[in-house]
Amino acid sequence: MTKPYRPIPLEEIVAELSPEDQAHISDRARELIGEYMALRDIRKSRALTQEDVARTLGGKQVYVSRVERRADVKLSTLRGYVQALGGELQLLVTFPDDKTVKIGELGQTVGPSKARGKRKTAA
């Protein structure tokens, strides 16, 4: 009769690795976690409250809460939120050949006539 399947906890596997490999795994895990933070987590890591961010944006706390919960945010909204945290939003595109390109100006606020596509008409 065969032994029943027993999952092996990750801690047991890591414990068998060299201290150098354990340190490398730990460092890489921190790096990856740091790359993928939710907006709320970024704000908290900056020791800011929703009220602090709202005050900087000139809005209400409920607005900041909505931005943090949305799955789809306008770039201009995200840019303003990040600036209120003291940061700068940078958009990067990475291609399969490992080339990365920084997109500039996308999501920048433009004047009302340009944003709405209004044209002057001849009288």
PDB file of N, CA and C in Angstrom:
ATOM      1  N   MET A   1       0.835  -1.160   0.000  1.00  0.00           N
ATOM      2  CA  MET A   1       0.000   0.000   0.000  1.00  0.00           C
ATOM      3  C   MET A   1       0.895   1.243   0.000  1.00  0.00           C
ATOM      4  N   THR A   2       0.478   2.244  -0.780  1.00  0.00           N
ATOM      5  CA  THR A   2       1.266   3.471  -0.852  1.00  0.00           C
ATOM      6  C   THR A   2       0.855   4.434   0.250  1.00  0.00           C
ATOM      7  N   LYS A   3       1.803   5.280   0.597  1.00  0.00           N
ATOM      8  CA  LYS A   3       1.532   6.288   1.620  1.00  0.00           C
ATOM      9  C   LYS A   3       0.562   7.325   1.064  1.00  0.00           C
ATOM     10  N   PRO A   4      -0.322   7.823   1.897  1.00  0.00           N
ATOM     11  CA  PRO A   4      -1.213   8.882   1.421  1.00  0.00           C
ATOM     12  C   PRO A   4      -0.407  10.156   1.156  1.00  0.00           C
ATOM     13  N   TYR A   5      -0.912  10.934   0.220  1.00  0.00           N
ATOM     14  CA  TYR A   5      -0.268  12.198  -0.137  1.00  0.00           C
ATOM     15  C   TYR A   5      -0.288  13.148   1.047  1.00  0.00           C
ATOM     16  N   ARG A   6       0.860  13.741   1.339  1.00  0.00           N
ATOM     17  CA  ARG A   6       0.961  14.734   2.398  1.00  0.00           C
ATOM     18  C   ARG A   6       1.638  15.967   1.825  1.00  0.00           C
ATOM     19  N   PRO A   7       0.912  17.079   1.808  1.00  0.00           N
ATOM     20  CA  PRO A   7       1.550  18.301   1.306  1.00  0.00           C
ATOM     21  C   PRO A   7       2.721  18.690   2.204  1.00  0.00           C
ATOM     22  N   ILE A   8       3.769  19.194   1.575  1.00  0.00           N
ATOM     23  CA  ILE A   8       4.946  19.623   2.325  1.00  0.00           C
ATOM     24  C   ILE A   8       4.871  21.135   2.492  1.00  0.00           C
ATOM     25  N   PRO A   9       4.880  21.603   3.730  1.00  0.00           N
ATOM     26  CA  PRO A   9       4.834  23.057   3.945  1.00  0.00           C
ATOM     27  C   PRO A   9       6.067  23.737   3.355  1.00  0.00           C
ATOM     28  N   LEU A  10       5.859  24.935   2.817  1.00  0.00           N
ATOM     29  CA  LEU A  10       6.940  25.704   2.221  1.00  0.00           C
ATOM     30  C   LEU A  10       8.093  25.900   3.205  1.00  0.00           C
ATOM     31  N   GLU A  11       7.757  26.123   4.459  1.00  0.00           N
ATOM     32  CA  GLU A  11       8.791  26.349   5.476  1.00  0.00           C
ATOM     33  C   GLU A  11       9.760  25.174   5.562  1.00  0.00           C
ATOM     34  N   GLU A  12       9.260  23.943   5.396  1.00  0.00           N
ATOM     35  CA  GLU A  12      10.135  22.754   5.443  1.00  0.00           C
ATOM     36  C   GLU A  12      11.084  22.734   4.254  1.00  0.00           C
ATOM     37  N   ILE A  13      10.588  23.102   3.100  1.00  0.00           N
ATOM     38  CA  ILE A  13      11.425  23.108   1.895  1.00  0.00           C
ATOM     39  C   ILE A  13      12.500  24.182   2.017  1.00  0.00           C
ATOM     40  N   VAL A  14      12.101  25.377   2.435  1.00  0.00           N
ATOM     41  CA  VAL A  14      13.056  26.478   2.567  1.00  0.00           C
ATOM     42  C   VAL A  14      14.093  26.172   3.640  1.00  0.00           C
ATOM     43  N   ALA A  15      13.702  25.495   4.710  1.00  0.00           N
ATOM     44  CA  ALA A  15      14.623  25.172   5.802  1.00  0.00           C
ATOM     45  C   ALA A  15      15.770  24.286   5.323  1.00  0.00           C
ATOM     46  N   GLU A  16      15.544  23.525   4.265  1.00  0.00           N
ATOM     47  CA  GLU A  16      16.587  22.639   3.739  1.00  0.00           C
ATOM     48  C   GLU A  16      17.571  23.360   2.823  1.00  0.00           C
ATOM     49  N   LEU A  17      17.285  24.597   2.461  1.00  0.00           N
ATOM     50  CA  LEU A  17      18.161  25.357   1.578  1.00  0.00           C
ATOM     51  C   LEU A  17      19.297  26.003   2.360  1.00  0.00           C
ATOM     52  N   SER A  18      20.335  26.381   1.635  1.00  0.00           N
ATOM     53  CA  SER A  18      21.468  27.058   2.270  1.00  0.00           C
ATOM     54  C   SER A  18      21.022  28.429   2.768  1.00  0.00           C
ATOM     55  N   PRO A  19      21.734  28.971   3.760  1.00  0.00           N
ATOM     56  CA  PRO A  19      21.402  30.316   4.254  1.00  0.00           C
ATOM     57  C   PRO A  19      21.441  31.367   3.138  1.00  0.00           C
ATOM     58  N   GLU A  20      22.367  31.206   2.190  1.00  0.00           N
ATOM     59  CA  GLU A  20      22.467  32.151   1.079  1.00  0.00           C
ATOM     60  C   GLU A  20      21.212  32.088   0.203  1.00  0.00           C
ATOM     61  N   ASP A  21      20.753  30.869  -0.096  1.00  0.00           N
ATOM     62  CA  ASP A  21      19.541  30.719  -0.910  1.00  0.00           C
ATOM     63  C   ASP A  21      18.317  31.248  -0.157  1.00  0.00           C
ATOM     64  N   GLN A  22      18.253  31.001   1.145  1.00  0.00           N
ATOM     65  CA  GLN A  22      17.140  31.513   1.944  1.00  0.00           C
ATOM     66  C   GLN A  22      17.116  33.045   1.915  1.00  0.00           C
ATOM     67  N   ALA A  23      18.293  33.651   2.039  1.00  0.00           N
ATOM     68  CA  ALA A  23      18.382  35.112   2.013  1.00  0.00           C
ATOM     69  C   ALA A  23      17.962  35.650   0.648  1.00  0.00           C
ATOM     70  N   HIS A  24      18.385  34.972  -0.406  1.00  0.00           N
ATOM     71  CA  HIS A  24      18.026  35.389  -1.765  1.00  0.00           C
ATOM     72  C   HIS A  24      16.514  35.313  -1.969  1.00  0.00           C
ATOM     73  N   ILE A  25      15.899  34.231  -1.517  1.00  0.00           N
ATOM     74  CA  ILE A  25      14.440  34.065  -1.635  1.00  0.00           C
ATOM     75  C   ILE A  25      13.725  35.155  -0.849  1.00  0.00           C
ATOM     76  N   SER A  26      14.191  35.421   0.348  1.00  0.00           N
ATOM     77  CA  SER A  26      13.573  36.446   1.184  1.00  0.00           C
ATOM     78  C   SER A  26      13.689  37.828   0.550  1.00  0.00           C
ATOM     79  N   ASP A  27      14.868  38.156   0.021  1.00  0.00           N
ATOM     80  CA  ASP A  27      15.083  39.448  -0.628  1.00  0.00           C
ATOM     81  C   ASP A  27      14.194  39.598  -1.862  1.00  0.00           C
ATOM     82  N   ARG A  28      14.132  38.538  -2.666  1.00  0.00           N
ATOM     83  CA  ARG A  28      13.322  38.582  -3.890  1.00  0.00           C
ATOM     84  C   ARG A  28      11.831  38.686  -3.559  1.00  0.00           C
ATOM     85  N   ALA A  29      11.387  38.007  -2.527  1.00  0.00           N
ATOM     86  CA  ALA A  29       9.983  38.076  -2.115  1.00  0.00           C
ATOM     87  C   ALA A  29       9.628  39.506  -1.700  1.00  0.00           C
ATOM     88  N   ARG A  30      10.496  40.143  -0.906  1.00  0.00           N
ATOM     89  CA  ARG A  30      10.261  41.533  -0.503  1.00  0.00           C
ATOM     90  C   ARG A  30      10.212  42.455  -1.718  1.00  0.00           C
ATOM     91  N   GLU A  31      11.104  42.213  -2.667  1.00  0.00           N
ATOM     92  CA  GLU A  31      11.153  43.016  -3.892  1.00  0.00           C
ATOM     93  C   GLU A  31       9.855  42.872  -4.689  1.00  0.00           C
ATOM     94  N   LEU A  32       9.390  41.646  -4.863  1.00  0.00           N
ATOM     95  CA  LEU A  32       8.158  41.412  -5.622  1.00  0.00           C
ATOM     96  C   LEU A  32       6.937  41.987  -4.915  1.00  0.00           C
ATOM     97  N   ILE A  33       6.879  41.816  -3.616  1.00  0.00           N
ATOM     98  CA  ILE A  33       5.755  42.361  -2.847  1.00  0.00           C
ATOM     99  C   ILE A  33       5.762  43.878  -2.952  1.00  0.00           C
ATOM    100  N   GLY A  34       6.933  44.483  -2.911  1.00  0.00           N
ATOM    101  CA  GLY A  34       7.045  45.931  -3.028  1.00  0.00           C
ATOM    102  C   GLY A  34       6.617  46.458  -4.390  1.00  0.00           C
ATOM    103  N   GLU A  35       6.767  45.632  -5.437  1.00  0.00           N
ATOM    104  CA  GLU A  35       6.388  46.043  -6.779  1.00  0.00           C
ATOM    105  C   GLU A  35       4.887  46.013  -6.988  1.00  0.00           C
ATOM    106  N   TYR A  36       4.198  45.206  -6.241  1.00  0.00           N
ATOM    107  CA  TYR A  36       2.774  45.016  -6.462  1.00  0.00           C
ATOM    108  C   TYR A  36       1.974  45.385  -5.217  1.00  0.00           C
ATOM    109  N   MET A  37       1.892  46.663  -4.976  1.00  0.00           N
ATOM    110  CA  MET A  37       1.141  47.147  -3.830  1.00  0.00           C
ATOM    111  C   MET A  37      -0.138  47.803  -4.320  1.00  0.00           C
ATOM    112  N   ALA A  38      -1.187  47.643  -3.576  1.00  0.00           N
ATOM    113  CA  ALA A  38      -2.421  48.351  -3.873  1.00  0.00           C
ATOM    114  C   ALA A  38      -2.240  49.816  -3.494  1.00  0.00           C
ATOM    115  N   LEU A  39      -3.076  50.676  -4.062  1.00  0.00           N
ATOM    116  CA  LEU A  39      -2.980  52.105  -3.753  1.00  0.00           C
ATOM    117  C   LEU A  39      -3.051  52.353  -2.253  1.00  0.00           C
ATOM    118  N   ARG A  40      -3.964  51.647  -1.578  1.00  0.00           N
ATOM    119  CA  ARG A  40      -4.126  51.794  -0.129  1.00  0.00           C
ATOM    120  C   ARG A  40      -2.817  51.469   0.592  1.00  0.00           C
ATOM    121  N   ASP A  41      -2.146  50.395   0.149  1.00  0.00           N
ATOM    122  CA  ASP A  41      -0.898  49.980   0.782  1.00  0.00           C
ATOM    123  C   ASP A  41       0.210  51.000   0.560  1.00  0.00           C
ATOM    124  N   ILE A  42       0.233  51.583  -0.637  1.00  0.00           N
ATOM    125  CA  ILE A  42       1.236  52.617  -0.923  1.00  0.00           C
ATOM    126  C   ILE A  42       0.999  53.813  -0.005  1.00  0.00           C
ATOM    127  N   ARG A  43      -0.267  54.223   0.103  1.00  0.00           N
ATOM    128  CA  ARG A  43      -0.598  55.361   0.978  1.00  0.00           C
ATOM    129  C   ARG A  43      -0.182  55.075   2.411  1.00  0.00           C
ATOM    130  N   LYS A  44      -0.515  53.875   2.897  1.00  0.00           N
ATOM    131  CA  LYS A  44      -0.170  53.524   4.278  1.00  0.00           C
ATOM    132  C   LYS A  44       1.344  53.469   4.482  1.00  0.00           C
ATOM    133  N   SER A  45       2.065  52.992   3.475  1.00  0.00           N
ATOM    134  CA  SER A  45       3.526  52.916   3.600  1.00  0.00           C
ATOM    135  C   SER A  45       4.148  54.311   3.681  1.00  0.00           C
ATOM    136  N   ARG A  46       3.413  55.324   3.196  1.00  0.00           N
ATOM    137  CA  ARG A  46       3.868  56.711   3.280  1.00  0.00           C
ATOM    138  C   ARG A  46       3.367  57.379   4.554  1.00  0.00           C
ATOM    139  N   ALA A  47       2.709  56.595   5.432  1.00  0.00           N
ATOM    140  CA  ALA A  47       2.169  57.080   6.713  1.00  0.00           C
ATOM    141  C   ALA A  47       1.169  58.214   6.509  1.00  0.00           C
ATOM    142  N   LEU A  48       0.323  58.059   5.489  1.00  0.00           N
ATOM    143  CA  LEU A  48      -0.707  59.048   5.203  1.00  0.00           C
ATOM    144  C   LEU A  48      -2.085  58.437   5.381  1.00  0.00           C
ATOM    145  N   THR A  49      -3.034  59.240   5.838  1.00  0.00           N
ATOM    146  CA  THR A  49      -4.414  58.795   5.945  1.00  0.00           C
ATOM    147  C   THR A  49      -5.163  59.215   4.684  1.00  0.00           C
ATOM    148  N   GLN A  50      -6.350  58.663   4.512  1.00  0.00           N
ATOM    149  CA  GLN A  50      -7.183  59.096   3.391  1.00  0.00           C
ATOM    150  C   GLN A  50      -7.498  60.583   3.518  1.00  0.00           C
ATOM    151  N   GLU A  51      -7.686  61.048   4.734  1.00  0.00           N
ATOM    152  CA  GLU A  51      -7.957  62.463   4.969  1.00  0.00           C
ATOM    153  C   GLU A  51      -6.778  63.329   4.536  1.00  0.00           C
ATOM    154  N   ASP A  52      -5.549  62.865   4.811  1.00  0.00           N
ATOM    155  CA  ASP A  52      -4.351  63.606   4.397  1.00  0.00           C
ATOM    156  C   ASP A  52      -4.320  63.759   2.874  1.00  0.00           C
ATOM    157  N   VAL A  53      -4.569  62.664   2.178  1.00  0.00           N
ATOM    158  CA  VAL A  53      -4.533  62.679   0.711  1.00  0.00           C
ATOM    159  C   VAL A  53      -5.654  63.568   0.176  1.00  0.00           C
ATOM    160  N   ALA A  54      -6.844  63.457   0.758  1.00  0.00           N
ATOM    161  CA  ALA A  54      -7.987  64.272   0.330  1.00  0.00           C
ATOM    162  C   ALA A  54      -7.676  65.762   0.501  1.00  0.00           C
ATOM    163  N   ARG A  55      -7.049  66.109   1.611  1.00  0.00           N
ATOM    164  CA  ARG A  55      -6.692  67.503   1.875  1.00  0.00           C
ATOM    165  C   ARG A  55      -5.737  68.006   0.791  1.00  0.00           C
ATOM    166  N   THR A  56      -4.755  67.204   0.428  1.00  0.00           N
ATOM    167  CA  THR A  56      -3.790  67.593  -0.603  1.00  0.00           C
ATOM    168  C   THR A  56      -4.472  67.740  -1.962  1.00  0.00           C
ATOM    169  N   LEU A  57      -5.423  66.856  -2.236  1.00  0.00           N
ATOM    170  CA  LEU A  57      -6.140  66.900  -3.513  1.00  0.00           C
ATOM    171  C   LEU A  57      -7.222  67.979  -3.531  1.00  0.00           C
ATOM    172  N   GLY A  58      -7.568  68.496  -2.358  1.00  0.00           N
ATOM    173  CA  GLY A  58      -8.631  69.489  -2.278  1.00  0.00           C
ATOM    174  C   GLY A  58     -10.010  68.865  -2.397  1.00  0.00           C
ATOM    175  N   GLY A  59     -10.132  67.619  -1.961  1.00  0.00           N
ATOM    176  CA  GLY A  59     -11.410  66.911  -2.034  1.00  0.00           C
ATOM    177  C   GLY A  59     -11.788  66.323  -0.692  1.00  0.00           C
ATOM    178  N   LYS A  60     -12.681  65.352  -0.758  1.00  0.00           N
ATOM    179  CA  LYS A  60     -13.173  64.710   0.459  1.00  0.00           C
ATOM    180  C   LYS A  60     -12.574  63.310   0.606  1.00  0.00           C
ATOM    181  N   GLN A  61     -12.562  62.826   1.837  1.00  0.00           N
ATOM    182  CA  GLN A  61     -12.015  61.505   2.157  1.00  0.00           C
ATOM    183  C   GLN A  61     -12.722  60.417   1.368  1.00  0.00           C
ATOM    184  N   VAL A  62     -14.026  60.541   1.167  1.00  0.00           N
ATOM    185  CA  VAL A  62     -14.793  59.517   0.456  1.00  0.00           C
ATOM    186  C   VAL A  62     -14.291  59.358  -0.990  1.00  0.00           C
ATOM    187  N   TYR A  63     -13.832  60.446  -1.594  1.00  0.00           N
ATOM    188  CA  TYR A  63     -13.263  60.402  -2.946  1.00  0.00           C
ATOM    189  C   TYR A  63     -12.010  59.524  -2.969  1.00  0.00           C
ATOM    190  N   VAL A  64     -11.147  59.712  -1.987  1.00  0.00           N
ATOM    191  CA  VAL A  64      -9.909  58.921  -1.897  1.00  0.00           C
ATOM    192  C   VAL A  64     -10.258  57.449  -1.695  1.00  0.00           C
ATOM    193  N   SER A  65     -11.231  57.176  -0.854  1.00  0.00           N
ATOM    194  CA  SER A  65     -11.670  55.804  -0.614  1.00  0.00           C
ATOM    195  C   SER A  65     -12.144  55.155  -1.916  1.00  0.00           C
ATOM    196  N   ARG A  66     -12.922  55.901  -2.701  1.00  0.00           N
ATOM    197  CA  ARG A  66     -13.426  55.364  -3.974  1.00  0.00           C
ATOM    198  C   ARG A  66     -12.284  55.072  -4.943  1.00  0.00           C
ATOM    199  N   VAL A  67     -11.321  55.980  -5.017  1.00  0.00           N
ATOM    200  CA  VAL A  67     -10.180  55.780  -5.909  1.00  0.00           C
ATOM    201  C   VAL A  67      -9.429  54.507  -5.519  1.00  0.00           C
ATOM    202  N   GLU A  68      -9.233  54.307  -4.216  1.00  0.00           N
ATOM    203  CA  GLU A  68      -8.478  53.141  -3.747  1.00  0.00           C
ATOM    204  C   GLU A  68      -9.213  51.829  -4.017  1.00  0.00           C
ATOM    205  N   ARG A  69     -10.532  51.867  -4.107  1.00  0.00           N
ATOM    206  CA  ARG A  69     -11.309  50.638  -4.317  1.00  0.00           C
ATOM    207  C   ARG A  69     -11.579  50.326  -5.781  1.00  0.00           C
ATOM    208  N   ARG A  70     -11.402  51.301  -6.653  1.00  0.00           N
ATOM    209  CA  ARG A  70     -11.717  51.100  -8.070  1.00  0.00           C
ATOM    210  C   ARG A  70     -10.731  50.158  -8.740  1.00  0.00           C
ATOM    211  N   ALA A  71     -11.253  49.366  -9.676  1.00  0.00           N
ATOM    212  CA  ALA A  71     -10.394  48.508 -10.492  1.00  0.00           C
ATOM    213  C   ALA A  71      -9.946  49.251 -11.749  1.00  0.00           C
ATOM    214  N   ASP A  72     -10.691  50.284 -12.131  1.00  0.00           N
ATOM    215  CA  ASP A  72     -10.406  51.022 -13.358  1.00  0.00           C
ATOM    216  C   ASP A  72     -10.397  52.511 -13.023  1.00  0.00           C
ATOM    217  N   VAL A  73      -9.225  53.123 -13.076  1.00  0.00           N
ATOM    218  CA  VAL A  73      -9.057  54.521 -12.688  1.00  0.00           C
ATOM    219  C   VAL A  73      -8.484  55.289 -13.872  1.00  0.00           C
ATOM    220  N   LYS A  74      -8.977  56.505 -14.097  1.00  0.00           N
ATOM    221  CA  LYS A  74      -8.409  57.362 -15.139  1.00  0.00           C
ATOM    222  C   LYS A  74      -6.953  57.655 -14.787  1.00  0.00           C
ATOM    223  N   LEU A  75      -6.128  57.771 -15.816  1.00  0.00           N
ATOM    224  CA  LEU A  75      -4.719  58.075 -15.568  1.00  0.00           C
ATOM    225  C   LEU A  75      -4.548  59.425 -14.881  1.00  0.00           C
ATOM    226  N   SER A  76      -5.349  60.402 -15.257  1.00  0.00           N
ATOM    227  CA  SER A  76      -5.222  61.718 -14.625  1.00  0.00           C
ATOM    228  C   SER A  76      -5.572  61.645 -13.136  1.00  0.00           C
ATOM    229  N   THR A  77      -6.548  60.814 -12.789  1.00  0.00           N
ATOM    230  CA  THR A  77      -6.919  60.622 -11.385  1.00  0.00           C
ATOM    231  C   THR A  77      -5.788  59.932 -10.635  1.00  0.00           C
ATOM    232  N   LEU A  78      -5.239  58.892 -11.244  1.00  0.00           N
ATOM    233  CA  LEU A  78      -4.140  58.152 -10.626  1.00  0.00           C
ATOM    234  C   LEU A  78      -2.910  59.027 -10.474  1.00  0.00           C
ATOM    235  N   ARG A  79      -2.641  59.846 -11.492  1.00  0.00           N
ATOM    236  CA  ARG A  79      -1.482  60.744 -11.429  1.00  0.00           C
ATOM    237  C   ARG A  79      -1.642  61.722 -10.260  1.00  0.00           C
ATOM    238  N   GLY A  80      -2.830  62.305 -10.104  1.00  0.00           N
ATOM    239  CA  GLY A  80      -3.084  63.229  -9.008  1.00  0.00           C
ATOM    240  C   GLY A  80      -2.962  62.556  -7.655  1.00  0.00           C
ATOM    241  N   TYR A  81      -3.484  61.336  -7.554  1.00  0.00           N
ATOM    242  CA  TYR A  81      -3.404  60.566  -6.301  1.00  0.00           C
ATOM    243  C   TYR A  81      -1.938  60.328  -5.929  1.00  0.00           C
ATOM    244  N   VAL A  82      -1.149  59.874  -6.900  1.00  0.00           N
ATOM    245  CA  VAL A  82       0.266  59.582  -6.647  1.00  0.00           C
ATOM    246  C   VAL A  82       1.017  60.860  -6.275  1.00  0.00           C
ATOM    247  N   GLN A  83       0.702  61.965  -6.939  1.00  0.00           N
ATOM    248  CA  GLN A  83       1.345  63.231  -6.596  1.00  0.00           C
ATOM    249  C   GLN A  83       0.976  63.665  -5.178  1.00  0.00           C
ATOM    250  N   ALA A  84      -0.266  63.399  -4.776  1.00  0.00           N
ATOM    251  CA  ALA A  84      -0.690  63.733  -3.406  1.00  0.00           C
ATOM    252  C   ALA A  84       0.077  62.909  -2.373  1.00  0.00           C
ATOM    253  N   LEU A  85       0.576  61.741  -2.789  1.00  0.00           N
ATOM    254  CA  LEU A  85       1.403  60.912  -1.904  1.00  0.00           C
ATOM    255  C   LEU A  85       2.861  61.367  -1.909  1.00  0.00           C
ATOM    256  N   GLY A  86       3.177  62.309  -2.807  1.00  0.00           N
ATOM    257  CA  GLY A  86       4.550  62.795  -2.905  1.00  0.00           C
ATOM    258  C   GLY A  86       5.348  62.101  -3.981  1.00  0.00           C
ATOM    259  N   GLY A  87       4.671  61.333  -4.837  1.00  0.00           N
ATOM    260  CA  GLY A  87       5.371  60.575  -5.868  1.00  0.00           C
ATOM    261  C   GLY A  87       5.112  61.102  -7.259  1.00  0.00           C
ATOM    262  N   GLU A  88       5.673  60.408  -8.221  1.00  0.00           N
ATOM    263  CA  GLU A  88       5.496  60.728  -9.637  1.00  0.00           C
ATOM    264  C   GLU A  88       5.079  59.456 -10.347  1.00  0.00           C
ATOM    265  N   LEU A  89       3.975  59.511 -11.087  1.00  0.00           N
ATOM    266  CA  LEU A  89       3.495  58.354 -11.822  1.00  0.00           C
ATOM    267  C   LEU A  89       4.307  58.189 -13.096  1.00  0.00           C
ATOM    268  N   GLN A  90       4.841  56.983 -13.315  1.00  0.00           N
ATOM    269  CA  GLN A  90       5.566  56.672 -14.538  1.00  0.00           C
ATOM    270  C   GLN A  90       4.933  55.434 -15.142  1.00  0.00           C
ATOM    271  N   LEU A  91       4.636  55.504 -16.431  1.00  0.00           N
ATOM    272  CA  LEU A  91       4.044  54.368 -17.122  1.00  0.00           C
ATOM    273  C   LEU A  91       5.107  53.692 -17.978  1.00  0.00           C
ATOM    274  N   LEU A  92       5.245  52.390 -17.777  1.00  0.00           N
ATOM    275  CA  LEU A  92       6.235  51.617 -18.522  1.00  0.00           C
ATOM    276  C   LEU A  92       5.542  50.530 -19.315  1.00  0.00           C
ATOM    277  N   VAL A  93       6.031  50.290 -20.526  1.00  0.00           N
ATOM    278  CA  VAL A  93       5.555  49.190 -21.349  1.00  0.00           C
ATOM    279  C   VAL A  93       6.733  48.244 -21.539  1.00  0.00           C
ATOM    280  N   THR A  94       6.537  46.974 -21.223  1.00  0.00           N
ATOM    281  CA  THR A  94       7.585  45.973 -21.395  1.00  0.00           C
ATOM    282  C   THR A  94       7.156  45.009 -22.495  1.00  0.00           C
ATOM    283  N   PHE A  95       8.026  44.824 -23.481  1.00  0.00           N
ATOM    284  CA  PHE A  95       7.743  43.953 -24.606  1.00  0.00           C
ATOM    285  C   PHE A  95       8.392  42.590 -24.412  1.00  0.00           C
ATOM    286  N   PRO A  96       7.921  41.571 -25.143  1.00  0.00           N
ATOM    287  CA  PRO A  96       8.465  40.212 -24.983  1.00  0.00           C
ATOM    288  C   PRO A  96       9.980  40.117 -25.187  1.00  0.00           C
ATOM    289  N   ASP A  97      10.550  41.028 -25.986  1.00  0.00           N
ATOM    290  CA  ASP A  97      12.006  40.994 -26.192  1.00  0.00           C
ATOM    291  C   ASP A  97      12.758  41.726 -25.087  1.00  0.00           C
ATOM    292  N   ASP A  98      12.071  41.961 -23.945  1.00  0.00           N
ATOM    293  CA  ASP A  98      12.625  42.602 -22.758  1.00  0.00           C
ATOM    294  C   ASP A  98      12.946  44.084 -22.937  1.00  0.00           C
ATOM    295  N   LYS A  99      12.444  44.697 -23.998  1.00  0.00           N
ATOM    296  CA  LYS A  99      12.617  46.141 -24.144  1.00  0.00           C
ATOM    297  C   LYS A  99      11.516  46.831 -23.351  1.00  0.00           C
ATOM    298  N   THR A 100      11.898  47.842 -22.609  1.00  0.00           N
ATOM    299  CA  THR A 100      10.950  48.609 -21.814  1.00  0.00           C
ATOM    300  C   THR A 100      10.979  50.049 -22.289  1.00  0.00           C
ATOM    301  N   VAL A 101       9.787  50.603 -22.472  1.00  0.00           N
ATOM    302  CA  VAL A 101       9.642  51.969 -22.953  1.00  0.00           C
ATOM    303  C   VAL A 101       8.817  52.741 -21.938  1.00  0.00           C
ATOM    304  N   LYS A 102       9.258  53.953 -21.600  1.00  0.00           N
ATOM    305  CA  LYS A 102       8.508  54.818 -20.703  1.00  0.00           C
ATOM    306  C   LYS A 102       7.580  55.687 -21.548  1.00  0.00           C
ATOM    307  N   ILE A 103       6.295  55.692 -21.188  1.00  0.00           N
ATOM    308  CA  ILE A 103       5.318  56.516 -21.891  1.00  0.00           C
ATOM    309  C   ILE A 103       5.269  57.878 -21.206  1.00  0.00           C
ATOM    310  N   GLY A 104       5.410  58.925 -21.983  1.00  0.00           N
ATOM    311  CA  GLY A 104       5.362  60.269 -21.432  1.00  0.00           C
ATOM    312  C   GLY A 104       4.079  60.977 -21.811  1.00  0.00           C
ATOM    313  N   GLU A 105       3.663  61.910 -20.994  1.00  0.00           N
ATOM    314  CA  GLU A 105       2.530  62.798 -21.211  1.00  0.00           C
ATOM    315  C   GLU A 105       1.162  62.138 -21.148  1.00  0.00           C
ATOM    316  N   LEU A 106       1.045  60.856 -21.208  1.00  0.00           N
ATOM    317  CA  LEU A 106      -0.251  60.197 -21.154  1.00  0.00           C
ATOM    318  C   LEU A 106      -0.847  60.381 -19.767  1.00  0.00           C
ATOM    319  N   GLY A 107      -2.070  60.857 -19.709  1.00  0.00           N
ATOM    320  CA  GLY A 107      -2.716  61.078 -18.428  1.00  0.00           C
ATOM    321  C   GLY A 107      -2.459  62.455 -17.852  1.00  0.00           C
ATOM    322  N   GLN A 108      -1.732  63.305 -18.595  1.00  0.00           N
ATOM    323  CA  GLN A 108      -1.507  64.677 -18.137  1.00  0.00           C
ATOM    324  C   GLN A 108      -2.788  65.463 -18.326  1.00  0.00           C
ATOM    325  N   THR A 109      -3.028  66.403 -17.473  1.00  0.00           N
ATOM    326  CA  THR A 109      -4.203  67.248 -17.594  1.00  0.00           C
ATOM    327  C   THR A 109      -3.970  68.263 -18.705  1.00  0.00           C
ATOM    328  N   VAL A 110      -4.964  68.405 -19.575  1.00  0.00           N
ATOM    329  CA  VAL A 110      -4.881  69.386 -20.657  1.00  0.00           C
ATOM    330  C   VAL A 110      -5.976  70.410 -20.459  1.00  0.00           C
ATOM    331  N   GLY A 111      -5.879  71.518 -21.182  1.00  0.00           N
ATOM    332  CA  GLY A 111      -6.876  72.585 -21.072  1.00  0.00           C
ATOM    333  C   GLY A 111      -8.254  72.104 -21.481  1.00  0.00           C
ATOM    334  N   PRO A 112      -9.313  72.751 -21.005  1.00  0.00           N
ATOM    335  CA  PRO A 112     -10.680  72.329 -21.265  1.00  0.00           C
ATOM    336  C   PRO A 112     -11.019  72.214 -22.740  1.00  0.00           C
ATOM    337  N   SER A 113     -10.569  73.171 -23.589  1.00  0.00           N
ATOM    338  CA  SER A 113     -10.935  73.104 -24.993  1.00  0.00           C
ATOM    339  C   SER A 113     -10.279  71.914 -25.678  1.00  0.00           C
ATOM    340  N   LYS A 114      -9.061  71.580 -25.294  1.00  0.00           N
ATOM    341  CA  LYS A 114      -8.384  70.430 -25.881  1.00  0.00           C
ATOM    342  C   LYS A 114      -8.974  69.134 -25.365  1.00  0.00           C
ATOM    343  N   ALA A 115      -9.295  69.096 -24.080  1.00  0.00           N
ATOM    344  CA  ALA A 115      -9.811  67.878 -23.476  1.00  0.00           C
ATOM    345  C   ALA A 115     -11.161  67.494 -24.068  1.00  0.00           C
ATOM    346  N   ARG A 116     -11.966  68.477 -24.408  1.00  0.00           N
ATOM    347  CA  ARG A 116     -13.301  68.175 -24.918  1.00  0.00           C
ATOM    348  C   ARG A 116     -13.346  68.169 -26.434  1.00  0.00           C
ATOM    349  N   GLY A 117     -12.238  68.500 -27.074  1.00  0.00           N
ATOM    350  CA  GLY A 117     -12.187  68.475 -28.522  1.00  0.00           C
ATOM    351  C   GLY A 117     -12.987  69.607 -29.173  1.00  0.00           C
ATOM    352  N   LYS A 118     -13.176  70.723 -28.468  1.00  0.00           N
ATOM    353  CA  LYS A 118     -13.942  71.842 -29.016  1.00  0.00           C
ATOM    354  C   LYS A 118     -13.137  72.543 -30.097  1.00  0.00           C
ATOM    355  N   ARG A 119     -13.845  72.960 -31.114  1.00  0.00           N
ATOM    356  CA  ARG A 119     -13.220  73.692 -32.197  1.00  0.00           C
ATOM    357  C   ARG A 119     -13.847  75.062 -32.288  1.00  0.00           C
ATOM    358  N   LYS A 120     -13.043  76.000 -32.719  1.00  0.00           N
ATOM    359  CA  LYS A 120     -13.591  77.334 -32.983  1.00  0.00           C
ATOM    360  C   LYS A 120     -14.282  77.273 -34.337  1.00  0.00           C
ATOM    361  N   THR A 121     -15.456  77.840 -34.390  1.00  0.00           N
ATOM    362  CA  THR A 121     -16.187  77.853 -35.647  1.00  0.00           C
ATOM    363  C   THR A 121     -16.121  79.243 -36.246  1.00  0.00           C
ATOM    364  N   ALA A 122     -16.056  79.283 -37.579  1.00  0.00           N
ATOM    365  CA  ALA A 122     -16.018  80.577 -38.265  1.00  0.00           C
ATOM    366  C   ALA A 122     -17.393  81.195 -38.246  1.00  0.00           C
ATOM    367  N   ALA A 123     -17.454  82.512 -38.007  1.00  0.00           N
ATOM    368  CA  ALA A 123     -18.742  83.192 -37.935  1.00  0.00           C
ATOM    369  C   ALA A 123     -19.237  83.615 -39.285  1.00  0.00           C
TER     370      ALA A 123
END
